[in-house]
Amino acid sequence: QVQLVESGGGSVQAGGSLRLSCVASGGVDSTYCMMWFRQAPGKERAGVAYIDQHGNPGYADAVTGRFTISKDNAKNTLYLQMNSLKPEDTATYYCAALNFLCTWRPKDNVSWGQGTRVTVSS
């Protein structure tokens, strides 16, 4: 079974930076689409960024220019570098592995991590 373990969350002031990591196991390989989602209390889960099997990234409008997604296939690890953080970035961030094409609204062929909390204070 696929297992995804996020880490790197914490509390920072607005304008600060965090780097999230997601270690994948259980058959996840470079052909997967890897994604970051986030969910704030009372809000729906929203896509943040993706990186496809070719290494091509994509970002939600809210984070474009501030966040960078990357992966290290040799280490089976996905990263999300978050710079210029804003209070509205406060959420639990989830790693997702899609054994199919990247999509902002995955339904099938998707595995989720436990999540890591990010709090940005003003």
Protein backbone atom coordinates (compact mmCIF):
# COMPACT_ATOMS: atom_id res chain seq x y z
CA GLN A 1 0.00 0.00 0.00
CA VAL A 2 1.08 3.54 -0.72
CA GLN A 3 2.28 5.49 2.30
CA LEU A 4 2.94 9.23 2.34
CA VAL A 5 4.46 10.99 5.35
CA GLU A 6 4.55 14.77 5.46
CA SER A 7 6.81 16.86 7.66
CA GLY A 8 8.11 20.40 7.96
CA GLY A 9 5.02 22.25 9.12
CA GLY A 10 5.10 24.75 11.93
CA SER A 11 4.32 28.29 12.98
CA VAL A 12 5.92 31.29 11.28
CA GLN A 13 5.33 35.00 10.95
CA ALA A 14 3.99 36.53 7.76
CA GLY A 15 6.76 36.90 5.22
CA GLY A 16 8.60 33.87 6.52
CA SER A 17 9.39 30.57 4.84
CA LEU A 18 8.84 26.86 5.39
CA ARG A 19 9.86 23.77 3.47
CA LEU A 20 7.50 20.81 3.54
CA SER A 21 8.61 17.28 2.74
CA CYS A 22 6.69 14.16 1.79
CA VAL A 23 8.37 10.77 1.84
CA ALA A 24 6.63 8.21 -0.34
CA SER A 25 6.76 4.43 -0.16
CA GLY A 26 4.73 1.40 -1.18
CA GLY A 27 5.24 1.47 -4.92
CA VAL A 28 5.20 5.18 -5.66
CA ASP A 29 7.63 5.85 -8.48
CA SER A 30 8.54 8.64 -10.86
CA THR A 31 5.56 7.94 -13.12
CA TYR A 32 3.13 9.26 -10.48
CA CYS A 33 1.77 12.75 -10.39
CA MET A 34 2.70 14.20 -7.00
CA MET A 35 0.65 17.01 -5.50
CA TRP A 36 0.21 19.24 -2.48
CA PHE A 37 -3.24 20.17 -1.21
CA ARG A 38 -4.28 22.23 1.77
CA GLN A 39 -7.34 22.56 3.93
CA ALA A 40 -8.18 25.30 6.41
CA PRO A 41 -10.81 24.74 9.13
CA GLY A 42 -14.28 25.07 7.65
CA LYS A 43 -12.92 25.20 4.10
CA GLU A 44 -12.81 22.65 1.32
CA ARG A 45 -9.57 20.96 0.38
CA ALA A 46 -7.81 22.92 -2.33
CA GLY A 47 -4.99 22.05 -4.66
CA VAL A 48 -1.75 23.96 -4.15
CA ALA A 49 0.77 22.55 -6.60
CA TYR A 50 1.61 19.52 -8.70
CA ILE A 51 4.60 18.04 -10.44
CA ASP A 52 4.08 15.49 -13.17
CA GLN A 53 6.12 12.48 -14.21
CA HIS A 54 8.27 14.65 -16.46
CA GLY A 55 9.03 17.17 -13.72
CA ASN A 56 6.67 19.83 -15.06
CA PRO A 57 5.13 21.87 -12.21
CA GLY A 58 1.84 23.67 -11.86
CA TYR A 59 0.52 26.02 -9.18
CA ALA A 60 -2.72 27.40 -7.89
CA ASP A 61 -3.11 31.11 -8.56
CA ALA A 62 -2.97 31.89 -4.85
CA VAL A 63 0.58 30.57 -4.49
CA THR A 64 2.14 31.24 -7.89
CA GLY A 65 5.42 33.09 -7.49
CA ARG A 66 5.75 32.22 -3.81
CA PHE A 67 5.75 28.41 -3.65
CA THR A 68 7.96 25.95 -5.48
CA ILE A 69 7.26 22.23 -5.82
CA SER A 70 10.07 19.80 -6.51
CA LYS A 71 10.90 16.14 -6.12
CA ASP A 72 13.91 13.95 -5.63
CA ASN A 73 13.11 10.63 -7.28
CA ALA A 74 16.18 8.93 -5.83
CA LYS A 75 15.01 9.79 -2.31
CA ASN A 76 11.31 9.19 -3.01
CA THR A 77 10.67 12.63 -1.57
CA LEU A 78 8.42 15.50 -2.62
CA TYR A 79 9.04 19.06 -1.43
CA LEU A 80 7.14 22.30 -1.20
CA GLN A 81 9.21 25.41 -0.62
CA MET A 82 6.93 28.12 0.71
CA ASN A 83 8.22 31.70 0.72
CA SER A 84 6.58 35.04 1.51
CA LEU A 85 3.98 33.25 3.60
CA LYS A 86 0.69 34.98 4.29
CA PRO A 87 -1.88 34.38 7.03
CA GLU A 88 -4.24 32.97 4.40
CA ASP A 89 -1.73 30.17 3.82
CA THR A 90 -2.62 28.79 7.25
CA ALA A 91 -3.92 25.26 6.73
CA THR A 92 -3.13 21.60 7.03
CA TYR A 93 -1.06 20.60 4.03
CA TYR A 94 -1.46 17.15 2.49
CA CYS A 95 0.72 15.26 0.09
CA ALA A 96 -1.05 13.24 -2.61
CA ALA A 97 0.15 10.62 -5.07
CA LEU A 98 -1.88 10.09 -8.22
CA ASN A 99 -1.31 6.96 -10.26
CA PHE A 100 -2.71 8.74 -13.26
CA LEU A 101 -2.62 12.18 -14.88
CA CYS A 102 -2.39 15.27 -12.69
CA THR A 103 -5.71 16.84 -11.80
CA TRP A 104 -6.79 19.51 -9.34
CA ARG A 105 -9.72 17.39 -8.26
CA PRO A 106 -8.53 13.80 -7.88
CA LYS A 107 -11.15 11.16 -7.24
CA ASP A 108 -9.67 7.79 -8.10
CA ASN A 109 -6.14 6.43 -8.13
CA VAL A 110 -5.06 8.80 -5.36
CA SER A 111 -3.38 8.26 -1.99
CA TRP A 112 -3.16 10.82 0.79
CA GLY A 113 -0.74 11.58 3.58
CA GLN A 114 -1.64 12.38 7.16
CA GLY A 115 -0.99 16.09 6.74
CA THR A 116 1.25 18.67 8.38
CA ARG A 117 -0.03 21.88 9.93
CA VAL A 118 1.15 25.32 8.85
CA THR A 119 0.26 28.43 10.83
CA VAL A 120 1.18 31.90 9.60
CA SER A 121 0.68 34.79 11.99
CA SER A 122 0.31 38.43 10.99
